[in-house]
Amino acid sequence: MTKVGVITFPGTLDDTDVVRAVSRAGAEPVNLWHGDHDLKGVDAVVVPGGFSYGDYLRCGAIARFAPVMTEVIEAAGKGMPVLGICNGFQILCESGLLPGALVRNAGLHYVCKDQWLKVENTSSAWSSRFEAGAEILVPVKHGEGNYTASQETLDQLEAEGRVLARYVSGNPNGAQRDIAGVVSENGRVVGLMPHPEHAIDALTGPSDDGLGMFLSLIDSVVKT
């Protein structure tokens, strides 16, 4: 069975939701503690959302130096699939695993709503179950989800097909080019601001569209 590590930092809020999503997809969730140099033999890692260290310095800036992230960065360099959701996306950017940065929302207001996304990259380890152009409904809940990068970086992401998804039916945070998520060069590391773990069951979320990300991961691990 595919084992997926789920990291908990001080201030993490959505680790239990990710654990549930991993289980729902048919994989085995493995709890990982931020202070340990141990990935416990997992096949993939999810860095969940929340407010690691209270976002007191800069979102993800302190968590990036946690012992477990040393292991994640090394494992990602060897091809391990890694997904960063919301604060996890911020941590991956701070860690240098993904380009760009997440800054304060346009208008400076916290946003919490169900949001439509258009999936553009379907070749990553976390998106192969989707069809290109598919529109999915998942929640957003963040105050600093405004994706920002240099024009050169943005052009490179576009040219290489590394924009995972874009906001449609309105941009909730002012992200450049409506970018909601990006993919690493090797397609194994993904950062997504919206929360797929909150959209795995139509009875408890706005849809079950987010489950496709976790099913995609299992497919990717089995193929390798």
N, C-alpha and C. Protein backbone atom coordinates (compact mmCIF):
# COMPACT_ATOMS: atom_id res chain seq x y z
N MET A 1 0.84 -1.20 0.00
CA MET A 1 0.00 0.00 0.00
C MET A 1 0.87 1.25 0.00
N THR A 2 0.47 2.23 -0.78
CA THR A 2 1.19 3.50 -0.83
C THR A 2 1.13 4.20 0.52
N LYS A 3 2.29 4.64 1.01
CA LYS A 3 2.35 5.35 2.28
C LYS A 3 2.61 6.84 2.02
N VAL A 4 1.75 7.68 2.60
CA VAL A 4 1.85 9.12 2.38
C VAL A 4 2.07 9.82 3.71
N GLY A 5 3.19 10.49 3.83
CA GLY A 5 3.49 11.22 5.06
C GLY A 5 2.75 12.54 5.11
N VAL A 6 2.24 12.87 6.29
CA VAL A 6 1.52 14.13 6.50
C VAL A 6 2.19 14.86 7.65
N ILE A 7 2.80 16.01 7.35
CA ILE A 7 3.60 16.72 8.35
C ILE A 7 2.74 17.62 9.24
N THR A 8 3.06 17.62 10.53
CA THR A 8 2.43 18.54 11.47
C THR A 8 3.49 19.49 12.03
N PHE A 9 3.25 20.78 11.84
CA PHE A 9 4.06 21.84 12.44
C PHE A 9 3.25 22.49 13.56
N PRO A 10 3.88 23.24 14.44
CA PRO A 10 3.10 24.07 15.38
C PRO A 10 2.24 25.05 14.59
N GLY A 11 0.94 24.97 14.74
CA GLY A 11 0.03 25.84 13.99
C GLY A 11 -0.60 25.20 12.78
N THR A 12 -0.21 23.95 12.44
CA THR A 12 -0.87 23.24 11.35
C THR A 12 -2.33 22.98 11.72
N LEU A 13 -3.24 23.21 10.76
CA LEU A 13 -4.67 23.04 11.03
C LEU A 13 -5.30 21.88 10.26
N ASP A 14 -4.76 21.57 9.12
CA ASP A 14 -5.45 20.67 8.20
C ASP A 14 -4.81 19.30 8.05
N ASP A 15 -3.93 18.94 8.98
CA ASP A 15 -3.27 17.64 8.88
C ASP A 15 -4.26 16.48 9.00
N THR A 16 -5.23 16.59 9.92
CA THR A 16 -6.20 15.50 10.07
C THR A 16 -7.09 15.38 8.84
N ASP A 17 -7.38 16.50 8.19
CA ASP A 17 -8.18 16.46 6.96
C ASP A 17 -7.40 15.78 5.84
N VAL A 18 -6.10 16.05 5.76
CA VAL A 18 -5.27 15.40 4.75
C VAL A 18 -5.17 13.90 5.02
N VAL A 19 -5.02 13.53 6.29
CA VAL A 19 -5.00 12.11 6.67
C VAL A 19 -6.27 11.42 6.18
N ARG A 20 -7.39 12.07 6.38
CA ARG A 20 -8.67 11.50 5.94
C ARG A 20 -8.71 11.37 4.41
N ALA A 21 -8.20 12.37 3.70
CA ALA A 21 -8.19 12.34 2.24
C ALA A 21 -7.30 11.22 1.73
N VAL A 22 -6.14 11.06 2.35
CA VAL A 22 -5.23 9.99 1.95
C VAL A 22 -5.89 8.63 2.15
N SER A 23 -6.54 8.44 3.30
CA SER A 23 -7.22 7.17 3.58
C SER A 23 -8.36 6.94 2.60
N ARG A 24 -9.10 7.99 2.30
CA ARG A 24 -10.23 7.89 1.38
C ARG A 24 -9.77 7.45 -0.01
N ALA A 25 -8.56 7.86 -0.38
CA ALA A 25 -8.02 7.51 -1.69
C ALA A 25 -7.47 6.09 -1.73
N GLY A 26 -7.36 5.45 -0.57
CA GLY A 26 -6.88 4.08 -0.52
C GLY A 26 -5.42 3.93 -0.19
N ALA A 27 -4.78 5.00 0.30
CA ALA A 27 -3.39 4.95 0.71
C ALA A 27 -3.32 4.94 2.24
N GLU A 28 -2.12 4.72 2.76
CA GLU A 28 -1.92 4.70 4.20
C GLU A 28 -1.27 6.01 4.66
N PRO A 29 -1.97 6.80 5.48
CA PRO A 29 -1.38 8.03 5.98
C PRO A 29 -0.38 7.74 7.10
N VAL A 30 0.71 8.49 7.10
CA VAL A 30 1.74 8.34 8.13
C VAL A 30 2.00 9.72 8.72
N ASN A 31 1.78 9.87 10.01
CA ASN A 31 1.99 11.16 10.65
C ASN A 31 3.48 11.45 10.80
N LEU A 32 3.90 12.63 10.37
CA LEU A 32 5.28 13.06 10.48
C LEU A 32 5.34 14.31 11.35
N TRP A 33 6.32 14.36 12.25
CA TRP A 33 6.47 15.48 13.18
C TRP A 33 7.56 16.43 12.68
N HIS A 34 7.31 17.70 12.74
CA HIS A 34 8.22 18.70 12.18
C HIS A 34 9.63 18.63 12.76
N GLY A 35 9.76 18.17 14.00
CA GLY A 35 11.05 18.16 14.67
C GLY A 35 11.88 16.92 14.46
N ASP A 36 11.39 15.99 13.65
CA ASP A 36 12.10 14.72 13.44
C ASP A 36 12.82 14.68 12.10
N HIS A 37 14.00 14.08 12.08
CA HIS A 37 14.73 13.82 10.84
C HIS A 37 14.36 12.43 10.34
N ASP A 38 13.08 12.20 10.09
CA ASP A 38 12.64 10.84 9.75
C ASP A 38 11.36 10.90 8.92
N LEU A 39 11.42 10.39 7.69
CA LEU A 39 10.22 10.33 6.85
C LEU A 39 9.52 8.98 6.93
N LYS A 40 10.05 8.08 7.78
CA LYS A 40 9.40 6.81 8.09
C LYS A 40 9.10 5.95 6.86
N GLY A 41 9.93 6.05 5.85
CA GLY A 41 9.79 5.19 4.69
C GLY A 41 8.59 5.47 3.81
N VAL A 42 8.08 6.69 3.82
CA VAL A 42 6.89 7.00 3.03
C VAL A 42 7.24 7.11 1.55
N ASP A 43 6.21 6.99 0.72
CA ASP A 43 6.36 7.10 -0.73
C ASP A 43 6.13 8.52 -1.24
N ALA A 44 5.48 9.34 -0.43
CA ALA A 44 5.16 10.72 -0.81
C ALA A 44 4.90 11.52 0.46
N VAL A 45 4.90 12.83 0.33
CA VAL A 45 4.70 13.71 1.49
C VAL A 45 3.70 14.80 1.14
N VAL A 46 2.82 15.11 2.09
CA VAL A 46 1.94 16.27 1.98
C VAL A 46 2.30 17.24 3.09
N VAL A 47 2.48 18.51 2.72
CA VAL A 47 2.69 19.59 3.69
C VAL A 47 1.36 20.33 3.78
N PRO A 48 0.60 20.13 4.86
CA PRO A 48 -0.77 20.65 4.93
C PRO A 48 -0.83 22.16 5.21
N GLY A 49 -2.05 22.65 5.19
CA GLY A 49 -2.29 24.07 5.45
C GLY A 49 -2.41 24.38 6.93
N GLY A 50 -2.47 25.66 7.21
CA GLY A 50 -2.56 26.15 8.59
C GLY A 50 -1.76 27.42 8.74
N PHE A 51 -1.19 27.61 9.91
CA PHE A 51 -0.40 28.82 10.19
C PHE A 51 0.86 28.39 10.93
N SER A 52 1.77 27.74 10.20
CA SER A 52 2.97 27.22 10.86
C SER A 52 3.70 28.33 11.59
N TYR A 53 3.96 28.09 12.87
CA TYR A 53 4.61 29.05 13.75
C TYR A 53 3.87 30.39 13.77
N GLY A 54 2.57 30.34 13.54
CA GLY A 54 1.75 31.53 13.60
C GLY A 54 1.99 32.53 12.50
N ASP A 55 2.78 32.16 11.49
CA ASP A 55 3.12 33.09 10.41
C ASP A 55 3.73 34.38 10.95
N TYR A 56 4.41 34.28 12.10
CA TYR A 56 4.89 35.50 12.76
C TYR A 56 6.00 36.21 12.00
N LEU A 57 6.86 35.46 11.33
CA LEU A 57 7.92 36.10 10.57
C LEU A 57 7.45 36.36 9.14
N ARG A 58 7.18 35.30 8.42
CA ARG A 58 6.67 35.33 7.06
C ARG A 58 6.15 33.93 6.80
N CYS A 59 5.05 33.82 6.10
CA CYS A 59 4.42 32.51 5.93
C CYS A 59 5.40 31.45 5.44
N GLY A 60 5.62 30.42 6.24
CA GLY A 60 6.48 29.32 5.85
C GLY A 60 7.96 29.55 6.08
N ALA A 61 8.35 30.77 6.47
CA ALA A 61 9.78 31.10 6.58
C ALA A 61 10.47 30.36 7.72
N ILE A 62 9.76 30.11 8.81
CA ILE A 62 10.36 29.38 9.93
C ILE A 62 10.25 27.87 9.69
N ALA A 63 9.08 27.43 9.24
CA ALA A 63 8.86 26.01 8.99
C ALA A 63 9.86 25.45 7.99
N ARG A 64 10.31 26.28 7.08
CA ARG A 64 11.26 25.83 6.07
C ARG A 64 12.53 25.24 6.70
N PHE A 65 12.87 25.69 7.93
CA PHE A 65 14.09 25.23 8.58
C PHE A 65 13.86 24.07 9.56
N ALA A 66 12.63 23.55 9.60
CA ALA A 66 12.34 22.41 10.48
C ALA A 66 13.15 21.20 10.05
N PRO A 67 13.60 20.36 11.00
CA PRO A 67 14.37 19.17 10.65
C PRO A 67 13.71 18.30 9.59
N VAL A 68 12.40 18.12 9.66
CA VAL A 68 11.73 17.25 8.69
C VAL A 68 11.85 17.79 7.28
N MET A 69 11.92 19.13 7.13
CA MET A 69 12.02 19.70 5.80
C MET A 69 13.37 19.43 5.15
N THR A 70 14.40 19.26 5.96
CA THR A 70 15.69 18.85 5.41
C THR A 70 15.54 17.53 4.68
N GLU A 71 14.79 16.62 5.30
CA GLU A 71 14.56 15.31 4.70
C GLU A 71 13.65 15.41 3.48
N VAL A 72 12.65 16.27 3.55
CA VAL A 72 11.72 16.43 2.42
C VAL A 72 12.45 17.00 1.21
N ILE A 73 13.29 18.01 1.43
CA ILE A 73 14.02 18.61 0.33
C ILE A 73 14.94 17.59 -0.33
N GLU A 74 15.62 16.79 0.48
CA GLU A 74 16.51 15.76 -0.06
C GLU A 74 15.71 14.71 -0.83
N ALA A 75 14.59 14.26 -0.26
CA ALA A 75 13.77 13.24 -0.92
C ALA A 75 13.16 13.77 -2.21
N ALA A 76 12.73 15.03 -2.19
CA ALA A 76 12.16 15.64 -3.40
C ALA A 76 13.21 15.70 -4.51
N GLY A 77 14.45 15.95 -4.12
CA GLY A 77 15.53 15.98 -5.09
C GLY A 77 15.76 14.64 -5.75
N LYS A 78 15.33 13.57 -5.09
CA LYS A 78 15.47 12.22 -5.64
C LYS A 78 14.19 11.74 -6.34
N GLY A 79 13.19 12.65 -6.41
CA GLY A 79 11.98 12.31 -7.15
C GLY A 79 10.76 11.97 -6.33
N MET A 80 10.84 12.06 -4.99
CA MET A 80 9.65 11.77 -4.20
C MET A 80 8.57 12.82 -4.46
N PRO A 81 7.31 12.39 -4.68
CA PRO A 81 6.22 13.34 -4.85
C PRO A 81 5.94 14.11 -3.55
N VAL A 82 5.78 15.42 -3.68
CA VAL A 82 5.48 16.27 -2.53
C VAL A 82 4.36 17.23 -2.93
N LEU A 83 3.37 17.37 -2.06
CA LEU A 83 2.28 18.31 -2.28
C LEU A 83 2.23 19.29 -1.12
N GLY A 84 2.25 20.58 -1.43
CA GLY A 84 2.08 21.62 -0.41
C GLY A 84 0.76 22.32 -0.64
N ILE A 85 -0.08 22.33 0.39
CA ILE A 85 -1.41 22.93 0.29
C ILE A 85 -1.45 24.19 1.15
N CYS A 86 -1.81 25.32 0.56
CA CYS A 86 -1.98 26.59 1.27
C CYS A 86 -0.68 26.96 2.00
N ASN A 87 -0.65 26.89 3.33
CA ASN A 87 0.59 27.18 4.05
C ASN A 87 1.70 26.24 3.61
N GLY A 88 1.33 25.02 3.22
CA GLY A 88 2.32 24.09 2.70
C GLY A 88 2.92 24.57 1.39
N PHE A 89 2.12 25.20 0.55
CA PHE A 89 2.60 25.82 -0.69
C PHE A 89 3.62 26.90 -0.35
N GLN A 90 3.29 27.71 0.65
CA GLN A 90 4.20 28.77 1.08
C GLN A 90 5.53 28.18 1.57
N ILE A 91 5.44 27.08 2.32
CA ILE A 91 6.66 26.44 2.84
C ILE A 91 7.52 25.90 1.71
N LEU A 92 6.89 25.31 0.69
CA LEU A 92 7.66 24.78 -0.44
C LEU A 92 8.34 25.89 -1.23
N CYS A 93 7.69 27.03 -1.34
CA CYS A 93 8.32 28.18 -2.01
C CYS A 93 9.49 28.69 -1.18
N GLU A 94 9.30 28.79 0.14
CA GLU A 94 10.38 29.24 1.02
C GLU A 94 11.55 28.26 0.99
N SER A 95 11.25 26.99 0.77
CA SER A 95 12.28 25.95 0.75
C SER A 95 13.03 25.88 -0.57
N GLY A 96 12.55 26.60 -1.57
CA GLY A 96 13.19 26.57 -2.87
C GLY A 96 12.76 25.41 -3.74
N LEU A 97 11.79 24.64 -3.29
CA LEU A 97 11.30 23.51 -4.09
C LEU A 97 10.39 23.98 -5.21
N LEU A 98 9.80 25.15 -5.04
CA LEU A 98 8.94 25.74 -6.07
C LEU A 98 9.31 27.21 -6.22
N PRO A 99 9.13 27.77 -7.41
CA PRO A 99 9.47 29.18 -7.63
C PRO A 99 8.37 30.11 -7.14
N GLY A 100 8.72 31.39 -6.96
CA GLY A 100 7.74 32.39 -6.60
C GLY A 100 7.52 32.51 -5.10
N ALA A 101 6.51 33.29 -4.75
CA ALA A 101 6.18 33.52 -3.35
C ALA A 101 4.70 33.82 -3.22
N LEU A 102 4.17 33.62 -2.02
CA LEU A 102 2.77 33.93 -1.73
C LEU A 102 2.73 35.14 -0.81
N VAL A 103 2.04 36.21 -1.23
CA VAL A 103 1.97 37.44 -0.45
C VAL A 103 0.53 37.77 -0.10
N ARG A 104 0.35 38.88 0.62
CA ARG A 104 -0.99 39.26 1.09
C ARG A 104 -1.98 39.36 -0.05
N ASN A 105 -3.20 38.91 0.22
CA ASN A 105 -4.27 39.00 -0.77
C ASN A 105 -4.48 40.44 -1.21
N ALA A 106 -4.84 40.62 -2.45
CA ALA A 106 -5.22 41.93 -2.93
C ALA A 106 -6.43 42.41 -2.10
N GLY A 107 -6.37 43.62 -1.62
CA GLY A 107 -7.44 44.11 -0.75
C GLY A 107 -7.20 43.82 0.71
N LEU A 108 -6.20 42.97 0.99
CA LEU A 108 -5.74 42.69 2.36
C LEU A 108 -6.78 41.97 3.22
N HIS A 109 -7.77 41.34 2.60
CA HIS A 109 -8.80 40.63 3.35
C HIS A 109 -8.58 39.12 3.29
N TYR A 110 -8.89 38.45 4.39
CA TYR A 110 -8.90 37.00 4.42
C TYR A 110 -10.06 36.51 3.56
N VAL A 111 -9.83 35.44 2.81
CA VAL A 111 -10.85 34.90 1.91
C VAL A 111 -11.19 33.47 2.31
N CYS A 112 -12.48 33.17 2.41
CA CYS A 112 -12.94 31.81 2.70
C CYS A 112 -14.19 31.55 1.87
N LYS A 113 -14.06 30.70 0.86
CA LYS A 113 -15.19 30.48 -0.06
C LYS A 113 -14.92 29.23 -0.89
N ASP A 114 -15.95 28.73 -1.54
CA ASP A 114 -15.77 27.67 -2.52
C ASP A 114 -15.34 28.32 -3.83
N GLN A 115 -14.33 27.73 -4.46
CA GLN A 115 -13.71 28.38 -5.62
C GLN A 115 -13.57 27.41 -6.80
N TRP A 116 -13.92 27.87 -7.98
CA TRP A 116 -13.72 27.08 -9.19
C TRP A 116 -12.29 27.23 -9.68
N LEU A 117 -11.70 26.11 -10.06
CA LEU A 117 -10.36 26.08 -10.63
C LEU A 117 -10.39 25.40 -11.99
N LYS A 118 -9.51 25.83 -12.88
CA LYS A 118 -9.33 25.16 -14.16
C LYS A 118 -8.00 24.42 -14.12
N VAL A 119 -8.04 23.11 -14.28
CA VAL A 119 -6.83 22.29 -14.25
C VAL A 119 -6.12 22.40 -15.60
N GLU A 120 -4.85 22.78 -15.58
CA GLU A 120 -4.11 22.96 -16.82
C GLU A 120 -3.01 21.92 -17.02
N ASN A 121 -2.37 21.51 -15.94
CA ASN A 121 -1.31 20.50 -16.05
C ASN A 121 -1.86 19.16 -15.56
N THR A 122 -1.87 18.18 -16.44
CA THR A 122 -2.39 16.85 -16.07
C THR A 122 -1.29 15.79 -16.13
N SER A 123 -0.04 16.23 -16.15
CA SER A 123 1.07 15.29 -16.24
C SER A 123 1.86 15.20 -14.94
N SER A 124 1.48 15.97 -13.93
CA SER A 124 2.21 15.92 -12.66
C SER A 124 1.81 14.68 -11.87
N ALA A 125 2.59 14.40 -10.83
CA ALA A 125 2.30 13.25 -9.96
C ALA A 125 0.98 13.41 -9.22
N TRP A 126 0.46 14.64 -9.18
CA TRP A 126 -0.74 14.91 -8.38
C TRP A 126 -1.95 15.31 -9.22
N SER A 127 -1.85 15.22 -10.56
CA SER A 127 -2.96 15.72 -11.37
C SER A 127 -3.32 14.84 -12.57
N SER A 128 -2.77 13.65 -12.65
CA SER A 128 -2.98 12.80 -13.82
C SER A 128 -4.40 12.29 -13.98
N ARG A 129 -5.18 12.30 -12.91
CA ARG A 129 -6.57 11.82 -12.99
C ARG A 129 -7.52 12.83 -13.64
N PHE A 130 -7.03 14.07 -13.83
CA PHE A 130 -7.89 15.11 -14.39
C PHE A 130 -7.69 15.23 -15.89
N GLU A 131 -8.71 15.73 -16.57
CA GLU A 131 -8.59 16.06 -17.98
C GLU A 131 -8.16 17.52 -18.10
N ALA A 132 -7.34 17.80 -19.09
CA ALA A 132 -6.91 19.18 -19.31
C ALA A 132 -8.12 20.08 -19.53
N GLY A 133 -8.16 21.18 -18.81
CA GLY A 133 -9.28 22.10 -18.93
C GLY A 133 -10.44 21.80 -18.01
N ALA A 134 -10.34 20.71 -17.25
CA ALA A 134 -11.42 20.37 -16.32
C ALA A 134 -11.58 21.47 -15.27
N GLU A 135 -12.80 21.76 -14.91
CA GLU A 135 -13.07 22.75 -13.86
C GLU A 135 -13.53 22.02 -12.61
N ILE A 136 -12.87 22.30 -11.51
CA ILE A 136 -13.17 21.62 -10.24
C ILE A 136 -13.50 22.65 -9.18
N LEU A 137 -14.30 22.25 -8.20
CA LEU A 137 -14.75 23.14 -7.14
C LEU A 137 -14.15 22.71 -5.81
N VAL A 138 -13.31 23.56 -5.24
CA VAL A 138 -12.66 23.28 -3.96
C VAL A 138 -12.65 24.56 -3.12
N PRO A 139 -12.54 24.45 -1.80
CA PRO A 139 -12.53 25.64 -0.96
C PRO A 139 -11.17 26.36 -0.98
N VAL A 140 -11.23 27.67 -0.77
CA VAL A 140 -10.03 28.45 -0.45
C VAL A 140 -10.26 29.08 0.91
N LYS A 141 -9.16 29.27 1.67
CA LYS A 141 -9.24 29.92 2.98
C LYS A 141 -7.85 30.41 3.34
N HIS A 142 -7.59 31.66 3.01
CA HIS A 142 -6.25 32.19 3.23
C HIS A 142 -6.24 33.71 3.24
N GLY A 143 -5.20 34.24 3.83
CA GLY A 143 -4.99 35.69 3.83
C GLY A 143 -3.81 36.09 2.98
N GLU A 144 -2.95 35.10 2.65
CA GLU A 144 -1.75 35.37 1.88
C GLU A 144 -1.58 34.33 0.78
N GLY A 145 -2.48 34.40 -0.19
CA GLY A 145 -2.48 33.43 -1.27
C GLY A 145 -2.20 34.02 -2.63
N ASN A 146 -1.72 35.25 -2.64
CA ASN A 146 -1.46 36.00 -3.86
C ASN A 146 -0.13 35.54 -4.47
N TYR A 147 -0.20 34.66 -5.46
CA TYR A 147 1.03 34.11 -6.05
C TYR A 147 1.75 35.17 -6.85
N THR A 148 3.04 35.34 -6.55
CA THR A 148 3.85 36.39 -7.15
C THR A 148 5.19 35.83 -7.59
N ALA A 149 5.63 36.23 -8.77
CA ALA A 149 6.95 35.84 -9.28
C ALA A 149 7.37 36.87 -10.32
N SER A 150 8.64 36.83 -10.69
CA SER A 150 9.12 37.74 -11.73
C SER A 150 8.46 37.39 -13.06
N GLN A 151 8.40 38.36 -13.96
CA GLN A 151 7.82 38.10 -15.28
C GLN A 151 8.57 36.99 -16.01
N GLU A 152 9.87 36.95 -15.82
CA GLU A 152 10.67 35.89 -16.44
C GLU A 152 10.26 34.52 -15.93
N THR A 153 10.07 34.42 -14.60
CA THR A 153 9.65 33.14 -14.01
C THR A 153 8.25 32.76 -14.48
N LEU A 154 7.35 33.73 -14.51
CA LEU A 154 5.99 33.46 -14.95
C LEU A 154 5.97 32.98 -16.41
N ASP A 155 6.76 33.64 -17.24
CA ASP A 155 6.82 33.24 -18.65
C ASP A 155 7.38 31.83 -18.79
N GLN A 156 8.36 31.50 -17.94
CA GLN A 156 8.95 30.16 -17.98
C GLN A 156 7.93 29.10 -17.55
N LEU A 157 7.18 29.39 -16.49
CA LEU A 157 6.15 28.47 -16.03
C LEU A 157 5.12 28.22 -17.13
N GLU A 158 4.72 29.29 -17.80
CA GLU A 158 3.74 29.17 -18.88
C GLU A 158 4.31 28.34 -20.03
N ALA A 159 5.53 28.65 -20.42
CA ALA A 159 6.14 27.97 -21.57
C ALA A 159 6.34 26.49 -21.32
N GLU A 160 6.64 26.13 -20.07
CA GLU A 160 6.92 24.74 -19.73
C GLU A 160 5.68 23.99 -19.25
N GLY A 161 4.52 24.65 -19.29
CA GLY A 161 3.28 23.99 -18.86
C GLY A 161 3.24 23.66 -17.39
N ARG A 162 3.85 24.50 -16.57
CA ARG A 162 3.97 24.21 -15.14
C ARG A 162 2.98 24.97 -14.27
N VAL A 163 1.98 25.58 -14.89
CA VAL A 163 0.86 26.12 -14.11
C VAL A 163 -0.12 24.97 -13.89
N LEU A 164 -0.26 24.54 -12.66
CA LEU A 164 -1.13 23.40 -12.38
C LEU A 164 -2.59 23.75 -12.59
N ALA A 165 -3.01 24.89 -12.02
CA ALA A 165 -4.41 25.28 -12.09
C ALA A 165 -4.52 26.79 -11.98
N ARG A 166 -5.61 27.33 -12.52
CA ARG A 166 -5.89 28.76 -12.42
C ARG A 166 -7.27 28.97 -11.81
N TYR A 167 -7.44 30.12 -11.20
CA TYR A 167 -8.75 30.51 -10.69
C TYR A 167 -9.64 30.91 -11.86
N VAL A 168 -10.88 30.44 -11.83
CA VAL A 168 -11.89 30.89 -12.79
C VAL A 168 -13.10 31.38 -12.02
N SER A 169 -13.96 32.12 -12.69
CA SER A 169 -15.12 32.73 -12.04
C SER A 169 -14.68 33.65 -10.90
N GLY A 170 -13.60 34.39 -11.15
CA GLY A 170 -13.12 35.34 -10.16
C GLY A 170 -11.82 34.91 -9.51
N ASN A 171 -10.90 35.85 -9.40
CA ASN A 171 -9.61 35.62 -8.73
C ASN A 171 -9.74 36.08 -7.28
N PRO A 172 -9.66 35.18 -6.30
CA PRO A 172 -9.96 35.55 -4.91
C PRO A 172 -8.86 36.32 -4.19
N ASN A 173 -7.65 36.37 -4.76
CA ASN A 173 -6.54 36.94 -4.00
C ASN A 173 -5.61 37.84 -4.80
N GLY A 174 -5.87 38.00 -6.09
CA GLY A 174 -5.01 38.84 -6.92
C GLY A 174 -3.80 38.14 -7.48
N ALA A 175 -3.73 36.82 -7.39
CA ALA A 175 -2.58 36.06 -7.88
C ALA A 175 -2.28 36.42 -9.33
N GLN A 176 -0.99 36.58 -9.62
CA GLN A 176 -0.59 36.90 -10.98
C GLN A 176 -1.04 35.80 -11.94
N ARG A 177 -1.59 36.25 -13.05
CA ARG A 177 -2.07 35.36 -14.12
C ARG A 177 -3.06 34.32 -13.59
N ASP A 178 -3.74 34.65 -12.50
CA ASP A 178 -4.78 33.79 -11.91
C ASP A 178 -4.24 32.44 -11.46
N ILE A 179 -2.96 32.38 -11.13
CA ILE A 179 -2.33 31.10 -10.79
C ILE A 179 -2.73 30.62 -9.40
N ALA A 180 -3.29 29.41 -9.34
CA ALA A 180 -3.69 28.81 -8.07
C ALA A 180 -2.71 27.74 -7.61
N GLY A 181 -1.89 27.22 -8.55
CA GLY A 181 -0.93 26.17 -8.20
C GLY A 181 0.12 26.02 -9.27
N VAL A 182 1.30 25.57 -8.87
CA VAL A 182 2.39 25.38 -9.81
C VAL A 182 3.06 24.03 -9.59
N VAL A 183 3.87 23.63 -10.58
CA VAL A 183 4.50 22.32 -10.60
C VAL A 183 6.01 22.49 -10.76
N SER A 184 6.78 21.62 -10.14
CA SER A 184 8.23 21.64 -10.29
C SER A 184 8.63 21.18 -11.69
N GLU A 185 9.91 21.36 -12.02
CA GLU A 185 10.39 20.99 -13.35
C GLU A 185 10.19 19.51 -13.65
N ASN A 186 10.35 18.66 -12.64
CA ASN A 186 10.21 17.22 -12.88
C ASN A 186 8.79 16.71 -12.70
N GLY A 187 7.85 17.62 -12.38
CA GLY A 187 6.45 17.23 -12.26
C GLY A 187 6.10 16.48 -11.00
N ARG A 188 7.02 16.42 -10.03
CA ARG A 188 6.80 15.62 -8.83
C ARG A 188 6.37 16.47 -7.62
N VAL A 189 6.74 17.74 -7.64
CA VAL A 189 6.40 18.63 -6.52
C VAL A 189 5.34 19.62 -6.97
N VAL A 190 4.28 19.73 -6.19
CA VAL A 190 3.15 20.61 -6.53
C VAL A 190 2.81 21.49 -5.33
N GLY A 191 2.53 22.75 -5.61
CA GLY A 191 2.00 23.66 -4.60
C GLY A 191 0.64 24.15 -5.05
N LEU A 192 -0.34 24.11 -4.16
CA LEU A 192 -1.70 24.52 -4.50
C LEU A 192 -2.26 25.35 -3.35
N MET A 193 -2.77 26.54 -3.64
CA MET A 193 -3.33 27.36 -2.58
C MET A 193 -4.70 26.86 -2.11
N PRO A 194 -5.64 26.52 -2.99
CA PRO A 194 -6.91 25.94 -2.54
C PRO A 194 -6.72 24.58 -1.87
N HIS A 195 -7.77 24.08 -1.22
CA HIS A 195 -7.68 22.91 -0.36
C HIS A 195 -8.41 21.69 -0.93
N PRO A 196 -7.72 20.82 -1.67
CA PRO A 196 -8.38 19.63 -2.21
C PRO A 196 -8.83 18.67 -1.12
N GLU A 197 -8.15 18.68 0.04
CA GLU A 197 -8.53 17.76 1.12
C GLU A 197 -9.89 18.07 1.72
N HIS A 198 -10.40 19.27 1.44
CA HIS A 198 -11.74 19.63 1.91
C HIS A 198 -12.81 19.38 0.85
N ALA A 199 -12.41 18.75 -0.24
CA ALA A 199 -13.36 18.45 -1.31
C ALA A 199 -13.16 17.01 -1.78
N ILE A 200 -13.35 16.08 -0.85
CA ILE A 200 -13.17 14.66 -1.19
C ILE A 200 -14.47 13.88 -1.07
N ASP A 201 -15.52 14.54 -0.60
CA ASP A 201 -16.80 13.88 -0.39
C ASP A 201 -17.90 14.93 -0.54
N ALA A 202 -18.82 14.70 -1.46
CA ALA A 202 -19.87 15.68 -1.72
C ALA A 202 -20.77 15.90 -0.50
N LEU A 203 -20.75 14.97 0.45
CA LEU A 203 -21.57 15.12 1.65
C LEU A 203 -20.95 16.09 2.66
N THR A 204 -19.62 16.25 2.60
CA THR A 204 -18.95 17.10 3.59
C THR A 204 -18.24 18.30 2.98
N GLY A 205 -18.21 18.37 1.66
CA GLY A 205 -17.55 19.49 1.01
C GLY A 205 -18.39 19.96 -0.16
N PRO A 206 -17.88 20.94 -0.89
CA PRO A 206 -18.65 21.43 -2.04
C PRO A 206 -18.70 20.45 -3.19
N SER A 207 -17.77 19.45 -3.17
CA SER A 207 -17.69 18.45 -4.23
C SER A 207 -16.75 17.35 -3.76
N ASP A 208 -16.51 16.36 -4.62
CA ASP A 208 -15.47 15.37 -4.35
C ASP A 208 -14.33 15.53 -5.35
N ASP A 209 -14.24 16.70 -5.96
CA ASP A 209 -13.26 16.95 -7.02
C ASP A 209 -11.82 16.84 -6.53
N GLY A 210 -11.58 17.19 -5.27
CA GLY A 210 -10.22 17.18 -4.76
C GLY A 210 -9.63 15.80 -4.60
N LEU A 211 -10.48 14.78 -4.54
CA LEU A 211 -10.00 13.42 -4.35
C LEU A 211 -9.09 12.99 -5.50
N GLY A 212 -9.32 13.57 -6.67
CA GLY A 212 -8.52 13.22 -7.84
C GLY A 212 -7.03 13.46 -7.65
N MET A 213 -6.67 14.43 -6.82
CA MET A 213 -5.25 14.71 -6.59
C MET A 213 -4.59 13.56 -5.84
N PHE A 214 -5.29 13.02 -4.87
CA PHE A 214 -4.74 11.93 -4.06
C PHE A 214 -4.75 10.61 -4.83
N LEU A 215 -5.76 10.41 -5.67
CA LEU A 215 -5.79 9.22 -6.53
C LEU A 215 -4.68 9.29 -7.58
N SER A 216 -4.42 10.50 -8.07
CA SER A 216 -3.33 10.68 -9.03
C SER A 216 -2.00 10.28 -8.42
N LEU A 217 -1.81 10.65 -7.15
CA LEU A 217 -0.56 10.33 -6.45
C LEU A 217 -0.36 8.82 -6.37
N ILE A 218 -1.42 8.11 -6.02
CA ILE A 218 -1.33 6.65 -5.93
C ILE A 218 -0.96 6.05 -7.28
N ASP A 219 -1.58 6.55 -8.35
CA ASP A 219 -1.24 6.08 -9.70
C ASP A 219 0.24 6.31 -9.99
N SER A 220 0.73 7.47 -9.60
CA SER A 220 2.12 7.84 -9.87
C SER A 220 3.09 6.92 -9.14
N VAL A 221 2.78 6.62 -7.89
CA VAL A 221 3.65 5.76 -7.09
C VAL A 221 3.65 4.34 -7.63
N VAL A 222 2.48 3.84 -8.02
CA VAL A 222 2.38 2.48 -8.55
C VAL A 222 3.18 2.35 -9.84
N LYS A 223 3.13 3.38 -10.69
CA LYS A 223 3.84 3.34 -11.97
C LYS A 223 5.35 3.30 -11.78
N THR A 224 5.84 3.92 -10.71
CA THR A 224 7.28 3.95 -10.48
C THR A 224 7.73 2.73 -9.69
